[in-house]
Amino acid sequence: MILEVMSDSLLAGRSVVLRNVGTLDTYVKNAQRYRHPTTGQIRVASPKRHLRLVLSPKMRSRLRRRPK
Protein backbone atom coordinates (compact mmCIF):
# COMPACT_ATOMS: atom_id res chain seq x y z
CA MET A 1 0.00 0.00 0.00
CA ILE A 2 2.63 2.53 1.06
CA LEU A 3 5.01 1.48 -1.72
CA GLU A 4 2.21 1.86 -4.27
CA VAL A 5 1.56 5.44 -3.14
CA MET A 6 5.29 6.21 -3.24
CA SER A 7 5.74 4.73 -6.72
CA ASP A 8 2.66 6.56 -8.04
CA SER A 9 4.06 9.85 -6.73
CA LEU A 10 7.47 9.21 -8.29
CA LEU A 11 5.91 8.25 -11.62
CA ALA A 12 3.92 11.49 -11.52
CA GLY A 13 7.17 13.45 -11.11
CA ARG A 14 6.75 14.37 -7.44
CA SER A 15 9.36 13.87 -4.71
CA VAL A 16 8.85 11.50 -1.78
CA VAL A 17 10.15 12.73 1.58
CA LEU A 18 11.11 10.09 4.14
CA ARG A 19 11.45 11.91 7.45
CA ASN A 20 14.90 11.61 9.05
CA VAL A 21 16.07 9.42 6.14
CA GLY A 22 16.06 11.48 2.95
CA THR A 23 14.21 12.42 -0.22
CA LEU A 24 13.52 10.21 -3.22
CA ASP A 25 13.43 12.11 -6.48
CA THR A 26 13.43 11.22 -10.17
CA TYR A 27 15.59 12.80 -12.86
CA VAL A 28 16.15 12.28 -16.57
CA LYS A 29 19.57 11.19 -17.72
CA ASN A 30 20.37 12.54 -21.18
CA ALA A 31 20.92 10.33 -24.21
CA GLN A 32 24.42 8.87 -24.30
CA ARG A 33 26.62 7.52 -27.02
CA TYR A 34 28.36 4.20 -26.46
CA ARG A 35 30.35 1.65 -28.43
CA HIS A 36 28.86 -1.83 -28.86
CA PRO A 37 31.45 -4.23 -27.41
CA THR A 38 31.14 -6.92 -30.11
CA THR A 39 30.67 -4.94 -33.31
CA GLY A 40 32.40 -1.71 -32.29
CA GLN A 41 29.47 0.22 -33.75
CA ILE A 42 28.57 3.58 -32.16
CA ARG A 43 25.02 3.59 -30.77
CA VAL A 44 22.88 6.10 -28.91
CA ALA A 45 21.02 5.14 -25.72
CA SER A 46 17.74 6.98 -25.34
CA PRO A 47 17.14 9.29 -22.35
CA LYS A 48 16.05 7.40 -19.24
CA ARG A 49 14.47 8.28 -15.92
CA HIS A 50 16.45 7.40 -12.80
CA LEU A 51 15.82 7.48 -9.07
CA ARG A 52 17.99 9.48 -6.66
CA LEU A 53 18.11 9.33 -2.86
CA VAL A 54 19.36 12.48 -1.15
CA LEU A 55 20.14 11.68 2.47
CA SER A 56 18.96 13.97 5.25
CA PRO A 57 21.65 15.70 7.34
CA LYS A 58 20.64 13.60 10.36
CA MET A 59 21.06 10.30 8.47
CA ARG A 60 24.32 11.46 6.89
CA SER A 61 25.80 12.29 10.31
CA ARG A 62 24.67 8.95 11.73
CA LEU A 63 26.31 7.06 8.87
CA ARG A 64 29.60 8.94 9.33
CA ARG A 65 29.94 7.95 12.99
CA ARG A 66 32.50 5.30 13.76
CA PRO A 67 31.16 1.98 14.99
CA LYS A 68 31.76 1.18 18.67
C-alpha atoms as a PDB file:
ATOM      1  CA  MET A   1       0.000   0.000   0.000  1.00  0.00           C
ATOM      2  CA  ILE A   2       2.628   2.527   1.057  1.00  0.00           C
ATOM      3  CA  LEU A   3       5.010   1.475  -1.719  1.00  0.00           C
ATOM      4  CA  GLU A   4       2.208   1.863  -4.269  1.00  0.00           C
ATOM      5  CA  VAL A   5       1.560   5.445  -3.138  1.00  0.00           C
ATOM      6  CA  MET A   6       5.288   6.206  -3.242  1.00  0.00           C
ATOM      7  CA  SER A   7       5.737   4.726  -6.716  1.00  0.00           C
ATOM      8  CA  ASP A   8       2.665   6.558  -8.039  1.00  0.00           C
ATOM      9  CA  SER A   9       4.059   9.851  -6.728  1.00  0.00           C
ATOM     10  CA  LEU A  10       7.470   9.213  -8.286  1.00  0.00           C
ATOM     11  CA  LEU A  11       5.913   8.254 -11.620  1.00  0.00           C
ATOM     12  CA  ALA A  12       3.918  11.495 -11.525  1.00  0.00           C
ATOM     13  CA  GLY A  13       7.174  13.450 -11.107  1.00  0.00           C
ATOM     14  CA  ARG A  14       6.751  14.367  -7.441  1.00  0.00           C
ATOM     15  CA  SER A  15       9.356  13.875  -4.710  1.00  0.00           C
ATOM     16  CA  VAL A  16       8.848  11.502  -1.784  1.00  0.00           C
ATOM     17  CA  VAL A  17      10.149  12.727   1.577  1.00  0.00           C
ATOM     18  CA  LEU A  18      11.110  10.088   4.137  1.00  0.00           C
ATOM     19  CA  ARG A  19      11.455  11.912   7.450  1.00  0.00           C
ATOM     20  CA  ASN A  20      14.904  11.613   9.053  1.00  0.00           C
ATOM     21  CA  VAL A  21      16.068   9.421   6.141  1.00  0.00           C
ATOM     22  CA  GLY A  22      16.058  11.480   2.954  1.00  0.00           C
ATOM     23  CA  THR A  23      14.210  12.419  -0.217  1.00  0.00           C
ATOM     24  CA  LEU A  24      13.518  10.206  -3.221  1.00  0.00           C
ATOM     25  CA  ASP A  25      13.425  12.109  -6.480  1.00  0.00           C
ATOM     26  CA  THR A  26      13.434  11.225 -10.168  1.00  0.00           C
ATOM     27  CA  TYR A  27      15.585  12.805 -12.861  1.00  0.00           C
ATOM     28  CA  VAL A  28      16.146  12.285 -16.574  1.00  0.00           C
ATOM     29  CA  LYS A  29      19.572  11.189 -17.720  1.00  0.00           C
ATOM     30  CA  ASN A  30      20.371  12.536 -21.182  1.00  0.00           C
ATOM     31  CA  ALA A  31      20.919  10.332 -24.212  1.00  0.00           C
ATOM     32  CA  GLN A  32      24.415   8.866 -24.295  1.00  0.00           C
ATOM     33  CA  ARG A  33      26.621   7.520 -27.024  1.00  0.00           C
ATOM     34  CA  TYR A  34      28.358   4.199 -26.460  1.00  0.00           C
ATOM     35  CA  ARG A  35      30.347   1.647 -28.425  1.00  0.00           C
ATOM     36  CA  HIS A  36      28.859  -1.830 -28.861  1.00  0.00           C
ATOM     37  CA  PRO A  37      31.455  -4.228 -27.412  1.00  0.00           C
ATOM     38  CA  THR A  38      31.142  -6.916 -30.105  1.00  0.00           C
ATOM     39  CA  THR A  39      30.668  -4.944 -33.315  1.00  0.00           C
ATOM     40  CA  GLY A  40      32.400  -1.712 -32.292  1.00  0.00           C
ATOM     41  CA  GLN A  41      29.471   0.225 -33.754  1.00  0.00           C
ATOM     42  CA  ILE A  42      28.571   3.583 -32.161  1.00  0.00           C
ATOM     43  CA  ARG A  43      25.024   3.594 -30.773  1.00  0.00           C
ATOM     44  CA  VAL A  44      22.878   6.095 -28.906  1.00  0.00           C
ATOM     45  CA  ALA A  45      21.022   5.135 -25.725  1.00  0.00           C
ATOM     46  CA  SER A  46      17.736   6.977 -25.338  1.00  0.00           C
ATOM     47  CA  PRO A  47      17.143   9.294 -22.345  1.00  0.00           C
ATOM     48  CA  LYS A  48      16.052   7.401 -19.245  1.00  0.00           C
ATOM     49  CA  ARG A  49      14.467   8.277 -15.918  1.00  0.00           C
ATOM     50  CA  HIS A  50      16.445   7.405 -12.798  1.00  0.00           C
ATOM     51  CA  LEU A  51      15.820   7.478  -9.065  1.00  0.00           C
ATOM     52  CA  ARG A  52      17.989   9.485  -6.658  1.00  0.00           C
ATOM     53  CA  LEU A  53      18.108   9.329  -2.864  1.00  0.00           C
ATOM     54  CA  VAL A  54      19.363  12.484  -1.151  1.00  0.00           C
ATOM     55  CA  LEU A  55      20.142  11.685   2.475  1.00  0.00           C
ATOM     56  CA  SER A  56      18.958  13.966   5.248  1.00  0.00           C
ATOM     57  CA  PRO A  57      21.645  15.701   7.340  1.00  0.00           C
ATOM     58  CA  LYS A  58      20.644  13.599  10.356  1.00  0.00           C
ATOM     59  CA  MET A  59      21.061  10.302   8.471  1.00  0.00           C
ATOM     60  CA  ARG A  60      24.325  11.462   6.895  1.00  0.00           C
ATOM     61  CA  SER A  61      25.800  12.291  10.308  1.00  0.00           C
ATOM     62  CA  ARG A  62      24.666   8.948  11.734  1.00  0.00           C
ATOM     63  CA  LEU A  63      26.313   7.062   8.868  1.00  0.00           C
ATOM     64  CA  ARG A  64      29.597   8.936   9.334  1.00  0.00           C
ATOM     65  CA  ARG A  65      29.940   7.949  12.994  1.00  0.00           C
ATOM     66  CA  ARG A  66      32.499   5.304  13.758  1.00  0.00           C
ATOM     67  CA  PRO A  67      31.156   1.977  14.993  1.00  0.00           C
ATOM     68  CA  LYS A  68      31.756   1.181  18.671  1.00  0.00           C
END
